[in-house]
């Protein structure tokens, strides 16, 4: 696997995940990772949940930009509060789906089956992290950034990882194109932060203008996995429509197991 491209598979494999860690491929995809019946069964209770946090645009419940879940990024200076809230957030995510298989658990099981070690929630001193943020995005896209545990969480257990994936599983996507994931073959370096507009976010794209990249469309049901240390972005949607997806990060722990967190 020496070509830096999109690798489309029917299921995740150890070889494909190692290729991502070795930066030999740009993205691994599993189309129809969840079939239409499961997707529709999960989508209905998800969209009816009353605890979406809406932001951006005009704000309030009129906004279509929303999130269900919590992130370490927003708690990087509030570690105790993060771990106090994580168990309830994990339980709430599973509660929403009732008798429908929790899509996050389905993804964890797929990685567990493919990886030689185990896969599960990241932990610290016996406390679980939260994993699996659902997002209802608008059509503006997401600026170029990179995600890397040792940079994002020094002093946290995720700061000890040796490699990192990000995954997204899509329930809906823009009808007229846009919303693509773009991953650049340029593993993160501290110098990139010199051009960031916000903390670890919105890099100057001029530094990647000659960098090879892959672009992946967010088809409903598709699972995308990539090396999140590579800068990546989401393109705007020309019709202004967004997408609904769930995702998290996955780190390779010192013992070789996979640890999920958001």
C-alpha atoms as a PDB file:
ATOM      1  CA  UNK A   1       0.000   0.000   0.000  1.00  0.00           C
ATOM      2  CA  UNK A   2       2.371   2.696  -1.198  1.00  0.00           C
ATOM      3  CA  UNK A   3      -0.059   4.951  -3.114  1.00  0.00           C
ATOM      4  CA  UNK A   4      -1.415   7.837  -1.052  1.00  0.00           C
ATOM      5  CA  UNK A   5      -5.043   7.502  -2.092  1.00  0.00           C
ATOM      6  CA  UNK A   6      -8.471   6.493  -0.793  1.00  0.00           C
ATOM      7  CA  UNK A   7      -8.679   2.802   0.049  1.00  0.00           C
ATOM      8  CA  UNK A   8     -12.251   1.511  -0.257  1.00  0.00           C
ATOM      9  CA  UNK A   9     -13.007  -1.721   1.599  1.00  0.00           C
ATOM     10  CA  UNK A  10     -15.958  -3.865   2.586  1.00  0.00           C
ATOM     11  CA  UNK A  11     -14.696  -3.922   6.179  1.00  0.00           C
ATOM     12  CA  UNK A  12     -11.812  -2.588   8.239  1.00  0.00           C
ATOM     13  CA  UNK A  13      -8.613  -4.641   8.316  1.00  0.00           C
ATOM     14  CA  UNK A  14      -5.417  -4.520  10.338  1.00  0.00           C
ATOM     15  CA  UNK A  15      -3.448  -3.922   7.135  1.00  0.00           C
ATOM     16  CA  UNK A  16      -5.527  -0.882   6.194  1.00  0.00           C
ATOM     17  CA  UNK A  17      -5.255   0.642   9.673  1.00  0.00           C
ATOM     18  CA  UNK A  18      -1.495   0.118   9.748  1.00  0.00           C
ATOM     19  CA  UNK A  19      -1.292   1.756   6.308  1.00  0.00           C
ATOM     20  CA  UNK A  20      -2.998   4.837   7.744  1.00  0.00           C
ATOM     21  CA  UNK A  21      -0.631   4.955  10.706  1.00  0.00           C
ATOM     22  CA  UNK A  22       2.327   4.621   8.334  1.00  0.00           C
ATOM     23  CA  UNK A  23       0.844   7.387   6.159  1.00  0.00           C
ATOM     24  CA  UNK A  24       0.753   5.108   3.119  1.00  0.00           C
ATOM     25  CA  UNK A  25      -2.879   5.925   2.259  1.00  0.00           C
ATOM     26  CA  UNK A  26      -4.898   9.104   2.696  1.00  0.00           C
ATOM     27  CA  UNK A  27      -8.209   7.647   3.876  1.00  0.00           C
ATOM     28  CA  UNK A  28      -9.918   4.290   4.357  1.00  0.00           C
ATOM     29  CA  UNK A  29     -13.631   4.104   3.590  1.00  0.00           C
ATOM     30  CA  UNK A  30     -16.288   1.463   4.135  1.00  0.00           C
ATOM     31  CA  UNK A  31     -19.359   2.401   2.040  1.00  0.00           C
ATOM     32  CA  UNK A  32     -22.670   1.242   3.520  1.00  0.00           C
ATOM     33  CA  UNK A  33     -20.955   0.513   6.836  1.00  0.00           C
ATOM     34  CA  UNK A  34     -24.438   0.672   8.281  1.00  0.00           C
ATOM     35  CA  UNK A  35     -27.226  -0.398   5.984  1.00  0.00           C
ATOM     36  CA  UNK A  36     -30.191   1.888   5.143  1.00  0.00           C
ATOM     37  CA  UNK A  37     -32.516   0.147   7.591  1.00  0.00           C
ATOM     38  CA  UNK A  38     -30.147   0.608  10.539  1.00  0.00           C
ATOM     39  CA  UNK A  39     -29.333   4.146   9.431  1.00  0.00           C
ATOM     40  CA  UNK A  40     -32.989   5.181   9.324  1.00  0.00           C
ATOM     41  CA  UNK A  41     -33.764   3.437  12.610  1.00  0.00           C
ATOM     42  CA  UNK A  42     -30.935   5.317  14.349  1.00  0.00           C
ATOM     43  CA  UNK A  43     -31.542   8.633  12.597  1.00  0.00           C
ATOM     44  CA  UNK A  44     -35.129   9.050  13.776  1.00  0.00           C
ATOM     45  CA  UNK A  45     -34.500   9.034  17.567  1.00  0.00           C
ATOM     46  CA  UNK A  46     -31.271  10.955  17.076  1.00  0.00           C
ATOM     47  CA  UNK A  47     -33.018  13.887  15.422  1.00  0.00           C
ATOM     48  CA  UNK A  48     -35.808  13.829  18.022  1.00  0.00           C
ATOM     49  CA  UNK A  49     -33.375  14.147  20.950  1.00  0.00           C
ATOM     50  CA  UNK A  50     -34.079  17.265  23.004  1.00  0.00           C
ATOM     51  CA  UNK A  51     -30.534  17.907  24.215  1.00  0.00           C
ATOM     52  CA  UNK A  52     -28.836  19.071  21.029  1.00  0.00           C
ATOM     53  CA  UNK A  53     -26.707  22.177  21.584  1.00  0.00           C
ATOM     54  CA  UNK A  54     -27.290  24.651  18.761  1.00  0.00           C
ATOM     55  CA  UNK A  55     -24.853  27.370  17.834  1.00  0.00           C
ATOM     56  CA  UNK A  56     -23.773  29.547  14.935  1.00  0.00           C
ATOM     57  CA  UNK A  57     -26.037  31.256  12.436  1.00  0.00           C
ATOM     58  CA  UNK A  58     -28.893  32.955  14.245  1.00  0.00           C
ATOM     59  CA  UNK A  59     -28.401  30.750  17.278  1.00  0.00           C
ATOM     60  CA  UNK A  60     -31.097  29.009  19.259  1.00  0.00           C
ATOM     61  CA  UNK A  61     -33.173  26.143  17.979  1.00  0.00           C
ATOM     62  CA  UNK A  62     -33.614  27.820  14.602  1.00  0.00           C
ATOM     63  CA  UNK A  63     -29.986  27.047  13.815  1.00  0.00           C
ATOM     64  CA  UNK A  64     -29.182  23.803  11.991  1.00  0.00           C
ATOM     65  CA  UNK A  65     -25.647  23.781  13.396  1.00  0.00           C
ATOM     66  CA  UNK A  66     -25.726  21.517  16.405  1.00  0.00           C
ATOM     67  CA  UNK A  67     -23.886  19.013  18.522  1.00  0.00           C
ATOM     68  CA  UNK A  68     -24.821  16.149  20.800  1.00  0.00           C
ATOM     69  CA  UNK A  69     -21.994  15.154  23.104  1.00  0.00           C
ATOM     70  CA  UNK A  70     -18.895  16.723  24.661  1.00  0.00           C
ATOM     71  CA  UNK A  71     -15.232  17.196  23.764  1.00  0.00           C
ATOM     72  CA  UNK A  72     -11.863  17.075  25.473  1.00  0.00           C
ATOM     73  CA  UNK A  73     -10.850  20.087  23.388  1.00  0.00           C
ATOM     74  CA  UNK A  74     -13.312  22.277  25.251  1.00  0.00           C
ATOM     75  CA  UNK A  75     -12.210  20.844  28.600  1.00  0.00           C
ATOM     76  CA  UNK A  76      -8.448  20.966  28.083  1.00  0.00           C
ATOM     77  CA  UNK A  77      -8.158  23.209  31.152  1.00  0.00           C
ATOM     78  CA  UNK A  78     -10.993  21.502  33.051  1.00  0.00           C
ATOM     79  CA  UNK A  79      -9.928  17.881  33.292  1.00  0.00           C
ATOM     80  CA  UNK A  80     -11.886  17.089  36.460  1.00  0.00           C
ATOM     81  CA  UNK A  81     -15.099  18.468  34.975  1.00  0.00           C
ATOM     82  CA  UNK A  82     -14.599  16.400  31.825  1.00  0.00           C
ATOM     83  CA  UNK A  83     -14.296  13.116  33.704  1.00  0.00           C
ATOM     84  CA  UNK A  84     -17.210  13.980  35.969  1.00  0.00           C
ATOM     85  CA  UNK A  85     -19.442  14.515  32.925  1.00  0.00           C
ATOM     86  CA  UNK A  86     -18.182  11.709  30.664  1.00  0.00           C
ATOM     87  CA  UNK A  87     -20.097   8.729  32.173  1.00  0.00           C
ATOM     88  CA  UNK A  88     -23.461  10.485  31.874  1.00  0.00           C
ATOM     89  CA  UNK A  89     -22.638  11.644  28.341  1.00  0.00           C
ATOM     90  CA  UNK A  90     -21.784   8.083  27.276  1.00  0.00           C
ATOM     91  CA  UNK A  91     -24.957   6.765  28.888  1.00  0.00           C
ATOM     92  CA  UNK A  92     -27.077   9.458  27.255  1.00  0.00           C
ATOM     93  CA  UNK A  93     -25.687   8.685  23.817  1.00  0.00           C
ATOM     94  CA  UNK A  94     -26.656   5.031  24.160  1.00  0.00           C
ATOM     95  CA  UNK A  95     -30.023   5.889  25.733  1.00  0.00           C
ATOM     96  CA  UNK A  96     -31.101   7.893  22.691  1.00  0.00           C
ATOM     97  CA  UNK A  97     -31.115   4.811  20.477  1.00  0.00           C
ATOM     98  CA  UNK A  98     -33.091   2.525  22.765  1.00  0.00           C
ATOM     99  CA  UNK A  99     -33.340  -0.903  21.139  1.00  0.00           C
ATOM    100  CA  UNK A 100     -31.428   0.270  18.034  1.00  0.00           C
ATOM    101  CA  UNK A 101     -27.746  -0.616  18.008  1.00  0.00           C
ATOM    102  CA  UNK A 102     -25.683   2.383  19.122  1.00  0.00           C
ATOM    103  CA  UNK A 103     -23.628   3.350  16.031  1.00  0.00           C
ATOM    104  CA  UNK A 104     -20.624   4.229  18.199  1.00  0.00           C
ATOM    105  CA  UNK A 105     -20.596   0.746  19.708  1.00  0.00           C
ATOM    106  CA  UNK A 106     -20.848  -0.731  16.203  1.00  0.00           C
ATOM    107  CA  UNK A 107     -17.761   1.238  15.133  1.00  0.00           C
ATOM    108  CA  UNK A 108     -15.812   0.233  18.242  1.00  0.00           C
ATOM    109  CA  UNK A 109     -16.657  -3.412  17.553  1.00  0.00           C
ATOM    110  CA  UNK A 110     -15.422  -3.066  13.961  1.00  0.00           C
ATOM    111  CA  UNK A 111     -12.060  -1.724  15.119  1.00  0.00           C
ATOM    112  CA  UNK A 112     -11.857  -4.383  17.819  1.00  0.00           C
ATOM    113  CA  UNK A 113     -12.357  -7.084  15.166  1.00  0.00           C
ATOM    114  CA  UNK A 114      -9.706  -5.615  12.856  1.00  0.00           C
ATOM    115  CA  UNK A 115      -7.008  -4.666  15.349  1.00  0.00           C
ATOM    116  CA  UNK A 116      -4.676  -7.234  16.978  1.00  0.00           C
ATOM    117  CA  UNK A 117      -5.173  -5.619  20.385  1.00  0.00           C
ATOM    118  CA  UNK A 118      -8.417  -4.548  22.014  1.00  0.00           C
ATOM    119  CA  UNK A 119     -10.513  -1.453  21.286  1.00  0.00           C
ATOM    120  CA  UNK A 120     -12.629   0.515  23.743  1.00  0.00           C
ATOM    121  CA  UNK A 121     -13.094   3.839  25.480  1.00  0.00           C
ATOM    122  CA  UNK A 122      -9.954   5.658  26.551  1.00  0.00           C
ATOM    123  CA  UNK A 123      -9.468   5.679  30.313  1.00  0.00           C
ATOM    124  CA  UNK A 124      -7.468   7.601  32.872  1.00  0.00           C
ATOM    125  CA  UNK A 125      -7.061   6.358  36.441  1.00  0.00           C
ATOM    126  CA  UNK A 126     -10.059   4.088  35.865  1.00  0.00           C
ATOM    127  CA  UNK A 127     -12.213   6.926  34.574  1.00  0.00           C
ATOM    128  CA  UNK A 128     -13.662   6.596  31.054  1.00  0.00           C
ATOM    129  CA  UNK A 129     -13.473   9.274  28.420  1.00  0.00           C
ATOM    130  CA  UNK A 130     -16.517  10.161  26.344  1.00  0.00           C
ATOM    131  CA  UNK A 131     -16.510   9.126  22.668  1.00  0.00           C
ATOM    132  CA  UNK A 132     -18.939   9.788  19.846  1.00  0.00           C
ATOM    133  CA  UNK A 133     -19.999  13.364  19.163  1.00  0.00           C
ATOM    134  CA  UNK A 134     -22.954  13.723  16.789  1.00  0.00           C
ATOM    135  CA  UNK A 135     -22.881  16.850  14.658  1.00  0.00           C
ATOM    136  CA  UNK A 136     -25.496  18.581  12.526  1.00  0.00           C
ATOM    137  CA  UNK A 137     -23.385  20.894  10.423  1.00  0.00           C
ATOM    138  CA  UNK A 138     -24.362  23.864   8.320  1.00  0.00           C
ATOM    139  CA  UNK A 139     -23.074  24.412   4.825  1.00  0.00           C
ATOM    140  CA  UNK A 140     -20.016  26.507   5.679  1.00  0.00           C
ATOM    141  CA  UNK A 141     -17.557  23.651   6.026  1.00  0.00           C
ATOM    142  CA  UNK A 142     -14.735  23.193   8.555  1.00  0.00           C
ATOM    143  CA  UNK A 143     -11.388  24.976   8.252  1.00  0.00           C
ATOM    144  CA  UNK A 144      -8.026  23.211   7.936  1.00  0.00           C
ATOM    145  CA  UNK A 145      -6.722  21.778  11.204  1.00  0.00           C
ATOM    146  CA  UNK A 146      -5.008  18.704  12.619  1.00  0.00           C
ATOM    147  CA  UNK A 147      -5.804  16.583  15.680  1.00  0.00           C
ATOM    148  CA  UNK A 148      -3.046  14.977  17.730  1.00  0.00           C
ATOM    149  CA  UNK A 149      -3.382  13.719  21.312  1.00  0.00           C
ATOM    150  CA  UNK A 150       0.153  14.541  22.546  1.00  0.00           C
ATOM    151  CA  UNK A 151      -0.405  18.161  21.465  1.00  0.00           C
ATOM    152  CA  UNK A 152      -4.063  18.377  22.508  1.00  0.00           C
ATOM    153  CA  UNK A 153      -3.834  16.623  25.873  1.00  0.00           C
ATOM    154  CA  UNK A 154      -0.460  16.930  27.611  1.00  0.00           C
ATOM    155  CA  UNK A 155      -0.911  15.507  31.082  1.00  0.00           C
ATOM    156  CA  UNK A 156      -3.878  13.410  29.915  1.00  0.00           C
ATOM    157  CA  UNK A 157      -3.597   9.725  28.997  1.00  0.00           C
ATOM    158  CA  UNK A 158      -4.277  10.648  25.350  1.00  0.00           C
ATOM    159  CA  UNK A 159      -0.995  12.537  25.464  1.00  0.00           C
ATOM    160  CA  UNK A 160       0.846   9.202  25.592  1.00  0.00           C
ATOM    161  CA  UNK A 161      -0.451   7.731  22.335  1.00  0.00           C
ATOM    162  CA  UNK A 162       1.872   6.788  19.462  1.00  0.00           C
ATOM    163  CA  UNK A 163      -0.613   7.133  16.582  1.00  0.00           C
ATOM    164  CA  UNK A 164      -4.081   8.527  16.005  1.00  0.00           C
ATOM    165  CA  UNK A 165      -7.084   7.955  13.777  1.00  0.00           C
ATOM    166  CA  UNK A 166     -10.240   9.972  13.323  1.00  0.00           C
ATOM    167  CA  UNK A 167     -13.455   8.408  12.047  1.00  0.00           C
ATOM    168  CA  UNK A 168     -16.779   9.740  10.849  1.00  0.00           C
ATOM    169  CA  UNK A 169     -19.965   7.838  10.098  1.00  0.00           C
ATOM    170  CA  UNK A 170     -22.604   9.671   8.066  1.00  0.00           C
ATOM    171  CA  UNK A 171     -26.386   9.611   8.371  1.00  0.00           C
ATOM    172  CA  UNK A 172     -27.150  12.323   5.821  1.00  0.00           C
ATOM    173  CA  UNK A 173     -25.171  14.521   3.445  1.00  0.00           C
ATOM    174  CA  UNK A 174     -25.636  17.567   1.209  1.00  0.00           C
ATOM    175  CA  UNK A 175     -27.858  16.856  -1.763  1.00  0.00           C
ATOM    176  CA  UNK A 176     -25.957  19.015  -4.254  1.00  0.00           C
ATOM    177  CA  UNK A 177     -22.367  18.135  -3.433  1.00  0.00           C
ATOM    178  CA  UNK A 178     -19.983  19.769  -1.013  1.00  0.00           C
ATOM    179  CA  UNK A 179     -19.252  18.667   2.533  1.00  0.00           C
ATOM    180  CA  UNK A 180     -16.291  16.556   1.364  1.00  0.00           C
ATOM    181  CA  UNK A 181     -13.500  15.544   3.661  1.00  0.00           C
ATOM    182  CA  UNK A 182     -10.107  16.688   2.340  1.00  0.00           C
ATOM    183  CA  UNK A 183      -6.959  15.196   3.911  1.00  0.00           C
ATOM    184  CA  UNK A 184      -3.510  16.598   3.135  1.00  0.00           C
ATOM    185  CA  UNK A 185      -0.349  14.480   3.062  1.00  0.00           C
ATOM    186  CA  UNK A 186       1.578  16.702   5.455  1.00  0.00           C
ATOM    187  CA  UNK A 187       1.813  15.297   9.007  1.00  0.00           C
ATOM    188  CA  UNK A 188       1.427  17.932  11.693  1.00  0.00           C
ATOM    189  CA  UNK A 189       4.418  19.919  12.905  1.00  0.00           C
ATOM    190  CA  UNK A 190       4.446  22.625  15.599  1.00  0.00           C
ATOM    191  CA  UNK A 191       5.302  25.211  12.953  1.00  0.00           C
ATOM    192  CA  UNK A 192       1.815  24.842  11.454  1.00  0.00           C
ATOM    193  CA  UNK A 193       0.361  26.483  14.548  1.00  0.00           C
ATOM    194  CA  UNK A 194       2.117  29.731  13.668  1.00  0.00           C
ATOM    195  CA  UNK A 195      -0.575  30.302  11.013  1.00  0.00           C
ATOM    196  CA  UNK A 196      -3.575  29.127  13.091  1.00  0.00           C
ATOM    197  CA  UNK A 197      -6.378  31.655  13.548  1.00  0.00           C
ATOM    198  CA  UNK A 198      -7.684  29.895  16.670  1.00  0.00           C
ATOM    199  CA  UNK A 199      -6.177  27.312  19.001  1.00  0.00           C
ATOM    200  CA  UNK A 200      -5.045  24.437  16.734  1.00  0.00           C
ATOM    201  CA  UNK A 201      -7.510  25.546  14.052  1.00  0.00           C
ATOM    202  CA  UNK A 202      -7.792  27.335  10.700  1.00  0.00           C
ATOM    203  CA  UNK A 203      -4.295  27.040   9.237  1.00  0.00           C
ATOM    204  CA  UNK A 204      -3.222  29.145   6.292  1.00  0.00           C
ATOM    205  CA  UNK A 205      -3.928  26.926   3.280  1.00  0.00           C
ATOM    206  CA  UNK A 206      -1.047  28.423   1.298  1.00  0.00           C
ATOM    207  CA  UNK A 207       1.336  26.062   3.103  1.00  0.00           C
ATOM    208  CA  UNK A 208      -0.557  23.093   1.601  1.00  0.00           C
ATOM    209  CA  UNK A 209      -1.089  24.387  -1.937  1.00  0.00           C
ATOM    210  CA  UNK A 210       1.473  21.951  -3.429  1.00  0.00           C
ATOM    211  CA  UNK A 211       0.654  19.073  -1.058  1.00  0.00           C
ATOM    212  CA  UNK A 212      -1.044  15.965  -2.419  1.00  0.00           C
ATOM    213  CA  UNK A 213      -4.447  15.287  -0.930  1.00  0.00           C
ATOM    214  CA  UNK A 214      -7.473  13.013  -1.033  1.00  0.00           C
ATOM    215  CA  UNK A 215     -11.107  14.113  -1.194  1.00  0.00           C
ATOM    216  CA  UNK A 216     -13.963  11.916   0.026  1.00  0.00           C
ATOM    217  CA  UNK A 217     -17.687  12.593  -0.428  1.00  0.00           C
ATOM    218  CA  UNK A 218     -19.951  12.076   2.633  1.00  0.00           C
ATOM    219  CA  UNK A 219     -22.379   9.498   1.259  1.00  0.00           C
ATOM    220  CA  UNK A 220     -24.994   8.344   3.803  1.00  0.00           C
ATOM    221  CA  UNK A 221     -23.882   5.183   5.561  1.00  0.00           C
ATOM    222  CA  UNK A 222     -20.178   5.597   4.749  1.00  0.00           C
ATOM    223  CA  UNK A 223     -17.478   5.174   7.394  1.00  0.00           C
ATOM    224  CA  UNK A 224     -14.360   7.288   6.831  1.00  0.00           C
ATOM    225  CA  UNK A 225     -11.130   6.665   8.748  1.00  0.00           C
ATOM    226  CA  UNK A 226      -7.987   8.751   8.379  1.00  0.00           C
ATOM    227  CA  UNK A 227      -4.799   9.695  10.193  1.00  0.00           C
ATOM    228  CA  UNK A 228      -5.871  12.831  12.033  1.00  0.00           C
ATOM    229  CA  UNK A 229      -2.300  14.053  12.434  1.00  0.00           C
ATOM    230  CA  UNK A 230      -2.587  15.033   8.770  1.00  0.00           C
ATOM    231  CA  UNK A 231      -4.237  18.442   8.299  1.00  0.00           C
ATOM    232  CA  UNK A 232      -7.807  18.085   7.077  1.00  0.00           C
ATOM    233  CA  UNK A 233     -10.895  20.149   6.318  1.00  0.00           C
ATOM    234  CA  UNK A 234     -14.522  19.876   5.216  1.00  0.00           C
ATOM    235  CA  UNK A 235     -15.549  21.787   2.098  1.00  0.00           C
ATOM    236  CA  UNK A 236     -18.569  24.128   2.041  1.00  0.00           C
ATOM    237  CA  UNK A 237     -21.857  22.991   0.501  1.00  0.00           C
ATOM    238  CA  UNK A 238     -22.957  25.160  -2.436  1.00  0.00           C
ATOM    239  CA  UNK A 239     -26.630  24.714  -1.583  1.00  0.00           C
ATOM    240  CA  UNK A 240     -26.052  25.613   2.061  1.00  0.00           C
ATOM    241  CA  UNK A 241     -27.114  22.195   3.298  1.00  0.00           C
ATOM    242  CA  UNK A 242     -25.068  20.387   5.892  1.00  0.00           C
ATOM    243  CA  UNK A 243     -24.616  16.844   7.065  1.00  0.00           C
ATOM    244  CA  UNK A 244     -25.331  14.686  10.104  1.00  0.00           C
ATOM    245  CA  UNK A 245     -22.502  12.485  11.282  1.00  0.00           C
ATOM    246  CA  UNK A 246     -20.910  10.936  14.356  1.00  0.00           C
ATOM    247  CA  UNK A 247     -17.218  10.558  15.003  1.00  0.00           C
ATOM    248  CA  UNK A 248     -14.368  10.469  17.491  1.00  0.00           C
ATOM    249  CA  UNK A 249     -10.628  10.041  17.759  1.00  0.00           C
ATOM    250  CA  UNK A 250      -8.785   6.782  18.361  1.00  0.00           C
ATOM    251  CA  UNK A 251      -5.305   6.581  19.814  1.00  0.00           C
ATOM    252  CA  UNK A 252      -2.811   3.727  19.904  1.00  0.00           C
ATOM    253  CA  UNK A 253      -1.943   3.285  23.577  1.00  0.00           C
ATOM    254  CA  UNK A 254       1.537   2.324  24.816  1.00  0.00           C
ATOM    255  CA  UNK A 255       0.240  -1.248  25.283  1.00  0.00           C
ATOM    256  CA  UNK A 256      -0.898  -1.373  21.640  1.00  0.00           C
ATOM    257  CA  UNK A 257      -4.629  -1.220  22.334  1.00  0.00           C
ATOM    258  CA  UNK A 258      -6.975   1.314  20.711  1.00  0.00           C
ATOM    259  CA  UNK A 259      -8.551   4.036  22.859  1.00  0.00           C
ATOM    260  CA  UNK A 260     -11.590   6.057  21.703  1.00  0.00           C
ATOM    261  CA  UNK A 261     -12.329   9.600  22.847  1.00  0.00           C
ATOM    262  CA  UNK A 262     -13.932  12.876  21.817  1.00  0.00           C
END
